[in-house]
PDB file of N, CA and C in Angstrom:
ATOM      1  N   MET A   1     -14.862 220.754  23.656  1.00  0.00           N
ATOM      2  CA  MET A   1     -15.359 221.629  24.685  1.00  0.00           C
ATOM      3  C   MET A   1     -16.130 220.832  25.738  1.00  0.00           C
ATOM      4  N   PHE A   2     -16.865 219.783  25.345  1.00  0.00           N
ATOM      5  CA  PHE A   2     -17.661 219.019  26.311  1.00  0.00           C
ATOM      6  C   PHE A   2     -16.826 217.948  26.998  1.00  0.00           C
ATOM      7  N   LEU A   3     -15.685 217.612  26.421  1.00  0.00           N
ATOM      8  CA  LEU A   3     -14.885 216.504  26.935  1.00  0.00           C
ATOM      9  C   LEU A   3     -13.970 216.901  28.082  1.00  0.00           C
ATOM     10  N   LYS A   4     -14.047 218.127  28.528  1.00  0.00           N
ATOM     11  CA  LYS A   4     -13.178 218.591  29.609  1.00  0.00           C
ATOM     12  C   LYS A   4     -13.718 218.231  30.978  1.00  0.00           C
ATOM     13  N   THR A   5     -14.995 217.952  31.076  1.00  0.00           N
ATOM     14  CA  THR A   5     -15.605 217.670  32.365  1.00  0.00           C
ATOM     15  C   THR A   5     -15.389 216.217  32.777  1.00  0.00           C
ATOM     16  N   ILE A   6     -15.366 215.989  34.072  1.00  0.00           N
ATOM     17  CA  ILE A   6     -15.313 214.625  34.578  1.00  0.00           C
ATOM     18  C   ILE A   6     -16.628 214.275  35.284  1.00  0.00           C
ATOM     19  N   LYS A   7     -17.590 215.208  35.205  1.00  0.00           N
ATOM     20  CA  LYS A   7     -18.912 214.966  35.777  1.00  0.00           C
ATOM     21  C   LYS A   7     -19.753 214.149  34.802  1.00  0.00           C
ATOM     22  N   ARG A   8     -20.636 213.345  35.342  1.00  0.00           N
ATOM     23  CA  ARG A   8     -21.526 212.540  34.507  1.00  0.00           C
ATOM     24  C   ARG A   8     -22.828 213.263  34.203  1.00  0.00           C
ATOM     25  N   SER A   9     -23.067 214.368  34.842  1.00  0.00           N
ATOM     26  CA  SER A   9     -24.329 215.080  34.655  1.00  0.00           C
ATOM     27  C   SER A   9     -24.124 216.339  33.821  1.00  0.00           C
ATOM     28  N   GLY A  10     -25.203 216.782  33.202  1.00  0.00           N
ATOM     29  CA  GLY A  10     -25.157 218.013  32.429  1.00  0.00           C
ATOM     30  C   GLY A  10     -24.758 217.852  30.983  1.00  0.00           C
ATOM     31  N   LEU A  11     -24.468 216.636  30.549  1.00  0.00           N
ATOM     32  CA  LEU A  11     -24.029 216.419  29.168  1.00  0.00           C
ATOM     33  C   LEU A  11     -25.186 216.153  28.205  1.00  0.00           C
ATOM     34  N   GLY A  12     -26.359 215.841  28.729  1.00  0.00           N
ATOM     35  CA  GLY A  12     -27.505 215.524  27.875  1.00  0.00           C
ATOM     36  C   GLY A  12     -27.884 216.650  26.936  1.00  0.00           C
ATOM     37  N   VAL A  13     -27.731 217.881  27.384  1.00  0.00           N
ATOM     38  CA  VAL A  13     -28.061 219.030  26.536  1.00  0.00           C
ATOM     39  C   VAL A  13     -27.151 219.090  25.305  1.00  0.00           C
ATOM     40  N   ASN A  14     -25.981 218.466  25.391  1.00  0.00           N
ATOM     41  CA  ASN A  14     -25.039 218.477  24.279  1.00  0.00           C
ATOM     42  C   ASN A  14     -25.086 217.226  23.414  1.00  0.00           C
ATOM     43  N   LEU A  15     -26.005 216.313  23.720  1.00  0.00           N
ATOM     44  CA  LEU A  15     -26.137 215.093  22.926  1.00  0.00           C
ATOM     45  C   LEU A  15     -26.443 215.448  21.472  1.00  0.00           C
ATOM     46  N   PHE A  16     -25.673 214.922  20.548  1.00  0.00           N
ATOM     47  CA  PHE A  16     -25.821 215.192  19.108  1.00  0.00           C
ATOM     48  C   PHE A  16     -25.784 216.697  18.828  1.00  0.00           C
ATOM     49  N   ASP A  17     -24.928 217.397  19.529  1.00  0.00           N
ATOM     50  CA  ASP A  17     -24.870 218.857  19.485  1.00  0.00           C
ATOM     51  C   ASP A  17     -24.849 219.447  18.075  1.00  0.00           C
ATOM     52  N   GLU A  18     -23.979 218.945  17.215  1.00  0.00           N
ATOM     53  CA  GLU A  18     -23.842 219.538  15.878  1.00  0.00           C
ATOM     54  C   GLU A  18     -25.038 219.255  14.981  1.00  0.00           C
ATOM     55  N   MET A  19     -25.841 218.271  15.349  1.00  0.00           N
ATOM     56  CA  MET A  19     -27.048 217.970  14.571  1.00  0.00           C
ATOM     57  C   MET A  19     -28.286 218.634  15.175  1.00  0.00           C
ATOM     58  N   ARG A  20     -28.262 218.868  16.488  1.00  0.00           N
ATOM     59  CA  ARG A  20     -29.429 219.436  17.178  1.00  0.00           C
ATOM     60  C   ARG A  20     -29.476 220.955  17.163  1.00  0.00           C
ATOM     61  N   TYR A  21     -28.309 221.596  17.050  1.00  0.00           N
ATOM     62  CA  TYR A  21     -28.240 223.057  17.148  1.00  0.00           C
ATOM     63  C   TYR A  21     -27.488 223.658  15.964  1.00  0.00           C
ATOM     64  N   ASP A  22     -27.881 224.871  15.579  1.00  0.00           N
ATOM     65  CA  ASP A  22     -27.131 225.577  14.537  1.00  0.00           C
ATOM     66  C   ASP A  22     -25.928 226.271  15.187  1.00  0.00           C
ATOM     67  N   ARG A  23     -25.157 226.996  14.411  1.00  0.00           N
ATOM     68  CA  ARG A  23     -23.933 227.638  14.921  1.00  0.00           C
ATOM     69  C   ARG A  23     -24.193 228.708  15.972  1.00  0.00           C
ATOM     70  N   GLN A  24     -25.404 229.235  15.983  1.00  0.00           N
ATOM     71  CA  GLN A  24     -25.767 230.253  16.976  1.00  0.00           C
ATOM     72  C   GLN A  24     -26.348 229.623  18.244  1.00  0.00           C
ATOM     73  N   GLY A  25     -26.474 228.300  18.262  1.00  0.00           N
ATOM     74  CA  GLY A  25     -26.999 227.606  19.431  1.00  0.00           C
ATOM     75  C   GLY A  25     -28.501 227.429  19.440  1.00  0.00           C
ATOM     76  N   ASN A  26     -29.154 227.748  18.331  1.00  0.00           N
ATOM     77  CA  ASN A  26     -30.605 227.575  18.222  1.00  0.00           C
ATOM     78  C   ASN A  26     -30.930 226.149  17.803  1.00  0.00           C
ATOM     79  N   GLU A  27     -32.008 225.609  18.343  1.00  0.00           N
ATOM     80  CA  GLU A  27     -32.410 224.261  17.971  1.00  0.00           C
ATOM     81  C   GLU A  27     -32.769 224.182  16.487  1.00  0.00           C
ATOM     82  N   ILE A  28     -32.391 223.090  15.861  1.00  0.00           N
ATOM     83  CA  ILE A  28     -32.777 222.810  14.488  1.00  0.00           C
ATOM     84  C   ILE A  28     -34.080 222.009  14.573  1.00  0.00           C
ATOM     85  N   ALA A  29     -35.159 222.620  14.153  1.00  0.00           N
ATOM     86  CA  ALA A  29     -36.505 222.050  14.338  1.00  0.00           C
ATOM     87  C   ALA A  29     -36.674 220.677  13.696  1.00  0.00           C
ATOM     88  N   ASP A  30     -35.979 220.410  12.595  1.00  0.00           N
ATOM     89  CA  ASP A  30     -36.135 219.146  11.882  1.00  0.00           C
ATOM     90  C   ASP A  30     -35.439 217.969  12.560  1.00  0.00           C
ATOM     91  N   PHE A  31     -34.547 218.242  13.505  1.00  0.00           N
ATOM     92  CA  PHE A  31     -33.843 217.133  14.160  1.00  0.00           C
ATOM     93  C   PHE A  31     -34.814 216.391  15.071  1.00  0.00           C
ATOM     94  N   VAL A  32     -34.862 215.074  14.956  1.00  0.00           N
ATOM     95  CA  VAL A  32     -35.899 214.273  15.606  1.00  0.00           C
ATOM     96  C   VAL A  32     -35.979 214.487  17.121  1.00  0.00           C
ATOM     97  N   LEU A  33     -34.870 214.599  17.811  1.00  0.00           N
ATOM     98  CA  LEU A  33     -34.923 214.763  19.269  1.00  0.00           C
ATOM     99  C   LEU A  33     -35.334 216.165  19.692  1.00  0.00           C
ATOM    100  N   ASN A  34     -35.456 217.085  18.741  1.00  0.00           N
ATOM    101  CA  ASN A  34     -35.969 218.425  19.044  1.00  0.00           C
ATOM    102  C   ASN A  34     -37.481 218.510  18.835  1.00  0.00           C
ATOM    103  N   LYS A  35     -38.061 217.485  18.261  1.00  0.00           N
ATOM    104  CA  LYS A  35     -39.515 217.477  18.020  1.00  0.00           C
ATOM    105  C   LYS A  35     -40.229 217.120  19.330  1.00  0.00           C
ATOM    106  N   PRO A  36     -41.341 217.774  19.604  1.00  0.00           N
ATOM    107  CA  PRO A  36     -42.053 217.552  20.870  1.00  0.00           C
ATOM    108  C   PRO A  36     -42.311 216.081  21.205  1.00  0.00           C
ATOM    109  N   ALA A  37     -42.651 215.283  20.227  1.00  0.00           N
ATOM    110  CA  ALA A  37     -42.977 213.879  20.475  1.00  0.00           C
ATOM    111  C   ALA A  37     -41.775 213.053  20.943  1.00  0.00           C
ATOM    112  N   TYR A  38     -40.548 213.538  20.681  1.00  0.00           N
ATOM    113  CA  TYR A  38     -39.353 212.753  20.988  1.00  0.00           C
ATOM    114  C   TYR A  38     -38.423 213.404  22.006  1.00  0.00           C
ATOM    115  N   ARG A  39     -38.792 214.535  22.544  1.00  0.00           N
ATOM    116  CA  ARG A  39     -37.930 215.236  23.512  1.00  0.00           C
ATOM    117  C   ARG A  39     -37.639 214.407  24.766  1.00  0.00           C
ATOM    118  N   GLU A  40     -38.545 213.525  25.107  1.00  0.00           N
ATOM    119  CA  GLU A  40     -38.345 212.705  26.298  1.00  0.00           C
ATOM    120  C   GLU A  40     -38.195 211.227  25.936  1.00  0.00           C
ATOM    121  N   ALA A  41     -37.647 210.976  24.754  1.00  0.00           N
ATOM    122  CA  ALA A  41     -37.449 209.601  24.291  1.00  0.00           C
ATOM    123  C   ALA A  41     -36.512 208.855  25.233  1.00  0.00           C
ATOM    124  N   GLN A  42     -36.803 207.586  25.455  1.00  0.00           N
ATOM    125  CA  GLN A  42     -35.947 206.750  26.287  1.00  0.00           C
ATOM    126  C   GLN A  42     -35.280 205.638  25.488  1.00  0.00           C
ATOM    127  N   ILE A  43     -35.765 205.447  24.265  1.00  0.00           N
ATOM    128  CA  ILE A  43     -35.187 204.446  23.374  1.00  0.00           C
ATOM    129  C   ILE A  43     -34.750 205.142  22.099  1.00  0.00           C
ATOM    130  N   LEU A  44     -33.515 204.896  21.709  1.00  0.00           N
ATOM    131  CA  LEU A  44     -32.960 205.495  20.506  1.00  0.00           C
ATOM    132  C   LEU A  44     -32.769 204.401  19.469  1.00  0.00           C
ATOM    133  N   VAL A  45     -33.329 204.581  18.282  1.00  0.00           N
ATOM    134  CA  VAL A  45     -33.145 203.646  17.176  1.00  0.00           C
ATOM    135  C   VAL A  45     -32.143 204.294  16.233  1.00  0.00           C
ATOM    136  N   ALA A  46     -31.034 203.602  15.994  1.00  0.00           N
ATOM    137  CA  ALA A  46     -29.915 204.202  15.257  1.00  0.00           C
ATOM    138  C   ALA A  46     -29.506 203.346  14.065  1.00  0.00           C
ATOM    139  N   GLY A  47     -28.646 203.900  13.248  1.00  0.00           N
ATOM    140  CA  GLY A  47     -28.146 203.203  12.065  1.00  0.00           C
ATOM    141  C   GLY A  47     -26.909 202.378  12.346  1.00  0.00           C
ATOM    142  N   ASP A  48     -26.324 201.847  11.282  1.00  0.00           N
ATOM    143  CA  ASP A  48     -25.134 200.997  11.364  1.00  0.00           C
ATOM    144  C   ASP A  48     -23.977 201.683  12.087  1.00  0.00           C
ATOM    145  N   ASN A  49     -23.230 200.879  12.826  1.00  0.00           N
ATOM    146  CA  ASN A  49     -21.987 201.298  13.474  1.00  0.00           C
ATOM    147  C   ASN A  49     -22.205 202.483  14.419  1.00  0.00           C
ATOM    148  N   PHE A  50     -23.312 202.479  15.130  1.00  0.00           N
ATOM    149  CA  PHE A  50     -23.620 203.585  16.032  1.00  0.00           C
ATOM    150  C   PHE A  50     -22.526 203.724  17.086  1.00  0.00           C
ATOM    151  N   GLY A  51     -22.144 204.942  17.346  1.00  0.00           N
ATOM    152  CA  GLY A  51     -21.134 205.234  18.350  1.00  0.00           C
ATOM    153  C   GLY A  51     -19.725 205.283  17.805  1.00  0.00           C
ATOM    154  N   CYS A  52     -19.566 205.122  16.504  1.00  0.00           N
ATOM    155  CA  CYS A  52     -18.237 205.197  15.901  1.00  0.00           C
ATOM    156  C   CYS A  52     -17.652 206.578  16.176  1.00  0.00           C
ATOM    157  N   GLY A  53     -16.464 206.626  16.738  1.00  0.00           N
ATOM    158  CA  GLY A  53     -15.821 207.894  17.067  1.00  0.00           C
ATOM    159  C   GLY A  53     -16.212 208.417  18.438  1.00  0.00           C
ATOM    160  N   SER A  54     -17.007 207.656  19.182  1.00  0.00           N
ATOM    161  CA  SER A  54     -17.465 208.092  20.502  1.00  0.00           C
ATOM    162  C   SER A  54     -17.023 207.102  21.570  1.00  0.00           C
ATOM    163  N   SER A  55     -15.725 206.910  21.686  1.00  0.00           N
ATOM    164  CA  SER A  55     -15.224 205.895  22.606  1.00  0.00           C
ATOM    165  C   SER A  55     -15.078 206.385  24.043  1.00  0.00           C
ATOM    166  N   ARG A  56     -15.064 207.674  24.264  1.00  0.00           N
ATOM    167  CA  ARG A  56     -14.932 208.185  25.631  1.00  0.00           C
ATOM    168  C   ARG A  56     -16.222 207.996  26.405  1.00  0.00           C
ATOM    169  N   GLU A  57     -16.099 208.049  27.715  1.00  0.00           N
ATOM    170  CA  GLU A  57     -17.264 207.877  28.579  1.00  0.00           C
ATOM    171  C   GLU A  57     -18.300 208.969  28.390  1.00  0.00           C
ATOM    172  N   HIS A  58     -17.911 210.106  27.841  1.00  0.00           N
ATOM    173  CA  HIS A  58     -18.822 211.237  27.691  1.00  0.00           C
ATOM    174  C   HIS A  58     -20.029 210.916  26.818  1.00  0.00           C
ATOM    175  N   ALA A  59     -19.843 210.077  25.808  1.00  0.00           N
ATOM    176  CA  ALA A  59     -20.964 209.728  24.920  1.00  0.00           C
ATOM    177  C   ALA A  59     -22.064 208.970  25.669  1.00  0.00           C
ATOM    178  N   PRO A  60     -21.748 207.881  26.375  1.00  0.00           N
ATOM    179  CA  PRO A  60     -22.814 207.226  27.125  1.00  0.00           C
ATOM    180  C   PRO A  60     -23.349 208.083  28.268  1.00  0.00           C
ATOM    181  N   TRP A  61     -22.513 208.918  28.863  1.00  0.00           N
ATOM    182  CA  TRP A  61     -22.985 209.820  29.914  1.00  0.00           C
ATOM    183  C   TRP A  61     -24.010 210.793  29.340  1.00  0.00           C
ATOM    184  N   ALA A  62     -23.753 211.303  28.134  1.00  0.00           N
ATOM    185  CA  ALA A  62     -24.692 212.238  27.491  1.00  0.00           C
ATOM    186  C   ALA A  62     -26.009 211.529  27.175  1.00  0.00           C
ATOM    187  N   LEU A  63     -25.935 210.301  26.670  1.00  0.00           N
ATOM    188  CA  LEU A  63     -27.155 209.532  26.398  1.00  0.00           C
ATOM    189  C   LEU A  63     -27.967 209.347  27.679  1.00  0.00           C
ATOM    190  N   ALA A  64     -27.297 208.945  28.738  1.00  0.00           N
ATOM    191  CA  ALA A  64     -27.987 208.707  30.012  1.00  0.00           C
ATOM    192  C   ALA A  64     -28.568 209.999  30.577  1.00  0.00           C
ATOM    193  N   ASP A  65     -27.806 211.076  30.507  1.00  0.00           N
ATOM    194  CA  ASP A  65     -28.271 212.355  31.046  1.00  0.00           C
ATOM    195  C   ASP A  65     -29.464 212.889  30.259  1.00  0.00           C
ATOM    196  N   PHE A  66     -29.510 212.594  28.970  1.00  0.00           N
ATOM    197  CA  PHE A  66     -30.651 212.985  28.138  1.00  0.00           C
ATOM    198  C   PHE A  66     -31.895 212.174  28.499  1.00  0.00           C
ATOM    199  N   GLY A  67     -31.673 210.958  29.005  1.00  0.00           N
ATOM    200  CA  GLY A  67     -32.785 210.087  29.384  1.00  0.00           C
ATOM    201  C   GLY A  67     -32.886 208.816  28.562  1.00  0.00           C
ATOM    202  N   ILE A  68     -31.916 208.588  27.686  1.00  0.00           N
ATOM    203  CA  ILE A  68     -31.917 207.391  26.849  1.00  0.00           C
ATOM    204  C   ILE A  68     -31.549 206.183  27.713  1.00  0.00           C
ATOM    205  N   LYS A  69     -32.404 205.182  27.707  1.00  0.00           N
ATOM    206  CA  LYS A  69     -32.185 203.969  28.502  1.00  0.00           C
ATOM    207  C   LYS A  69     -31.693 202.802  27.646  1.00  0.00           C
ATOM    208  N   ALA A  70     -31.983 202.862  26.337  1.00  0.00           N
ATOM    209  CA  ALA A  70     -31.587 201.777  25.443  1.00  0.00           C
ATOM    210  C   ALA A  70     -31.348 202.322  24.044  1.00  0.00           C
ATOM    211  N   VAL A  71     -30.389 201.709  23.354  1.00  0.00           N
ATOM    212  CA  VAL A  71     -30.090 202.059  21.967  1.00  0.00           C
ATOM    213  C   VAL A  71     -30.240 200.783  21.147  1.00  0.00           C
ATOM    214  N   ILE A  72     -31.027 200.868  20.090  1.00  0.00           N
ATOM    215  CA  ILE A  72     -31.224 199.739  19.186  1.00  0.00           C
ATOM    216  C   ILE A  72     -30.567 200.102  17.857  1.00  0.00           C
ATOM    217  N   SER A  73     -29.684 199.241  17.391  1.00  0.00           N
ATOM    218  CA  SER A  73     -28.971 199.508  16.146  1.00  0.00           C
ATOM    219  C   SER A  73     -28.646 198.187  15.461  1.00  0.00           C
ATOM    220  N   THR A  74     -28.338 198.265  14.187  1.00  0.00           N
ATOM    221  CA  THR A  74     -27.915 197.065  13.461  1.00  0.00           C
ATOM    222  C   THR A  74     -26.509 196.665  13.874  1.00  0.00           C
ATOM    223  N   SER A  75     -25.694 197.649  14.297  1.00  0.00           N
ATOM    224  CA  SER A  75     -24.342 197.358  14.778  1.00  0.00           C
ATOM    225  C   SER A  75     -23.830 198.554  15.577  1.00  0.00           C
ATOM    226  N   PHE A  76     -22.833 198.286  16.411  1.00  0.00           N
ATOM    227  CA  PHE A  76     -22.237 199.316  17.256  1.00  0.00           C
ATOM    228  C   PHE A  76     -20.729 199.311  17.104  1.00  0.00           C
ATOM    229  N   ALA A  77     -20.127 200.471  17.295  1.00  0.00           N
ATOM    230  CA  ALA A  77     -18.670 200.525  17.389  1.00  0.00           C
ATOM    231  C   ALA A  77     -18.281 199.769  18.661  1.00  0.00           C
ATOM    232  N   ASP A  78     -17.268 198.934  18.589  1.00  0.00           N
ATOM    233  CA  ASP A  78     -16.921 198.037  19.693  1.00  0.00           C
ATOM    234  C   ASP A  78     -16.649 198.765  21.011  1.00  0.00           C
ATOM    235  N   ILE A  79     -15.797 199.787  20.981  1.00  0.00           N
ATOM    236  CA  ILE A  79     -15.448 200.486  22.223  1.00  0.00           C
ATOM    237  C   ILE A  79     -16.659 201.208  22.788  1.00  0.00           C
ATOM    238  N   PHE A  80     -17.444 201.846  21.931  1.00  0.00           N
ATOM    239  CA  PHE A  80     -18.658 202.526  22.397  1.00  0.00           C
ATOM    240  C   PHE A  80     -19.596 201.526  23.055  1.00  0.00           C
ATOM    241  N   PHE A  81     -19.794 200.385  22.422  1.00  0.00           N
ATOM    242  CA  PHE A  81     -20.691 199.360  22.954  1.00  0.00           C
ATOM    243  C   PHE A  81     -20.255 198.934  24.352  1.00  0.00           C
ATOM    244  N   THR A  82     -18.987 198.611  24.488  1.00  0.00           N
ATOM    245  CA  THR A  82     -18.461 198.167  25.784  1.00  0.00           C
ATOM    246  C   THR A  82     -18.596 199.253  26.840  1.00  0.00           C
ATOM    247  N   THR A  83     -18.239 200.470  26.488  1.00  0.00           N
ATOM    248  CA  THR A  83     -18.319 201.585  27.431  1.00  0.00           C
ATOM    249  C   THR A  83     -19.761 201.855  27.836  1.00  0.00           C
ATOM    250  N   THR A  84     -20.665 201.820  26.894  1.00  0.00           N
ATOM    251  CA  THR A  84     -22.069 202.129  27.172  1.00  0.00           C
ATOM    252  C   THR A  84     -22.725 201.056  28.018  1.00  0.00           C
ATOM    253  N   VAL A  85     -22.570 199.814  27.646  1.00  0.00           N
ATOM    254  CA  VAL A  85     -23.209 198.727  28.378  1.00  0.00           C
ATOM    255  C   VAL A  85     -22.654 198.634  29.795  1.00  0.00           C
ATOM    256  N   SER A  86     -21.362 198.853  29.960  1.00  0.00           N
ATOM    257  CA  SER A  86     -20.779 198.720  31.294  1.00  0.00           C
ATOM    258  C   SER A  86     -21.096 199.906  32.192  1.00  0.00           C
ATOM    259  N   ARG A  87     -21.521 201.045  31.617  1.00  0.00           N
ATOM    260  CA  ARG A  87     -21.708 202.233  32.438  1.00  0.00           C
ATOM    261  C   ARG A  87     -23.124 202.786  32.497  1.00  0.00           C
ATOM    262  N   THR A  88     -23.889 202.665  31.410  1.00  0.00           N
ATOM    263  CA  THR A  88     -25.164 203.387  31.404  1.00  0.00           C
ATOM    264  C   THR A  88     -26.323 202.610  30.813  1.00  0.00           C
ATOM    265  N   ALA A  89     -26.425 202.588  29.512  1.00  0.00           N
ATOM    266  CA  ALA A  89     -27.628 202.110  28.820  1.00  0.00           C
ATOM    267  C   ALA A  89     -27.467 200.689  28.290  1.00  0.00           C
ATOM    268  N   SER A  90     -28.568 200.140  27.838  1.00  0.00           N
ATOM    269  CA  SER A  90     -28.561 198.855  27.152  1.00  0.00           C
ATOM    270  C   SER A  90     -28.391 199.098  25.658  1.00  0.00           C
ATOM    271  N   CYS A  91     -27.641 198.250  25.010  1.00  0.00           N
ATOM    272  CA  CYS A  91     -27.474 198.318  23.558  1.00  0.00           C
ATOM    273  C   CYS A  91     -28.010 197.019  22.974  1.00  0.00           C
ATOM    274  N   LEU A  92     -28.938 197.143  22.072  1.00  0.00           N
ATOM    275  CA  LEU A  92     -29.529 195.977  21.442  1.00  0.00           C
ATOM    276  C   LEU A  92     -29.199 195.992  19.961  1.00  0.00           C
ATOM    277  N   SER A  93     -28.751 194.869  19.462  1.00  0.00           N
ATOM    278  CA  SER A  93     -28.378 194.794  18.056  1.00  0.00           C
ATOM    279  C   SER A  93     -29.418 193.993  17.285  1.00  0.00           C
ATOM    280  N   SER A  94     -29.804 194.536  16.157  1.00  0.00           N
ATOM    281  CA  SER A  94     -30.751 193.868  15.278  1.00  0.00           C
ATOM    282  C   SER A  94     -29.970 193.355  14.087  1.00  0.00           C
ATOM    283  N   CYS A  95     -29.922 192.069  13.919  1.00  0.00           N
ATOM    284  CA  CYS A  95     -29.151 191.481  12.825  1.00  0.00           C
ATOM    285  C   CYS A  95     -29.955 191.524  11.534  1.00  0.00           C
ATOM    286  N   ARG A  96     -29.394 192.179  10.539  1.00  0.00           N
ATOM    287  CA  ARG A  96     -30.014 192.199   9.216  1.00  0.00           C
ATOM    288  C   ARG A  96     -29.379 191.109   8.375  1.00  0.00           C
ATOM    289  N   LYS A  97     -30.162 190.559   7.476  1.00  0.00           N
ATOM    290  CA  LYS A  97     -29.593 189.579   6.554  1.00  0.00           C
ATOM    291  C   LYS A  97     -28.724 190.332   5.563  1.00  0.00           C
ATOM    292  N   ARG A  98     -27.486 189.898   5.460  1.00  0.00           N
ATOM    293  CA  ARG A  98     -26.522 190.513   4.553  1.00  0.00           C
ATOM    294  C   ARG A  98     -26.542 189.771   3.221  1.00  0.00           C
ATOM    295  N   PRO A  99     -26.147 190.436   2.130  1.00  0.00           N
ATOM    296  CA  PRO A  99     -26.159 189.781   0.818  1.00  0.00           C
ATOM    297  C   PRO A  99     -25.348 188.500   0.776  1.00  0.00           C
ATOM    298  N   TRP A 100     -24.275 188.424   1.538  1.00  0.00           N
ATOM    299  CA  TRP A 100     -23.408 187.244   1.520  1.00  0.00           C
ATOM    300  C   TRP A 100     -23.934 186.126   2.405  1.00  0.00           C
ATOM    301  N   MET A 101     -25.015 186.374   3.178  1.00  0.00           N
ATOM    302  CA  MET A 101     -25.590 185.315   4.017  1.00  0.00           C
ATOM    303  C   MET A 101     -26.558 184.471   3.204  1.00  0.00           C
ATOM    304  N   SER A 102     -26.552 183.186   3.424  1.00  0.00           N
ATOM    305  CA  SER A 102     -27.489 182.342   2.671  1.00  0.00           C
ATOM    306  C   SER A 102     -28.649 181.909   3.534  1.00  0.00           C
TER     307      SER A 102
END
C-alpha cells in the first residue's frame, strides 16, 4: 500500500508500520519510536542485517521523512545500504568480534 507512491515525503508516518501500529491503526505504546523520548530520534540503533527486505527507495525515504539522519548497526543488507547512503541517511557499521575471529 505504501509502495505505490513516487513521492519522497509522507512516508515517515508508515516507518515500521506493522510494529508501530495495531490492526486498527492505534499506536503500540511499547514500540520504542512511539515513546515520547524517542519520537524525534535522529539516530537509529539497529540489529544485524538491518534493512533486509527493504531494497526499494521507499525504506530510506521513510527513514528520512521520519527524521532519521543515521542508522548504526552491526551489519546492513547490501541493497538497502547502497540505496540509503546514496539517497538519504548515513549508515554506520559496528564490527563485533565473531567467534571465528582470533
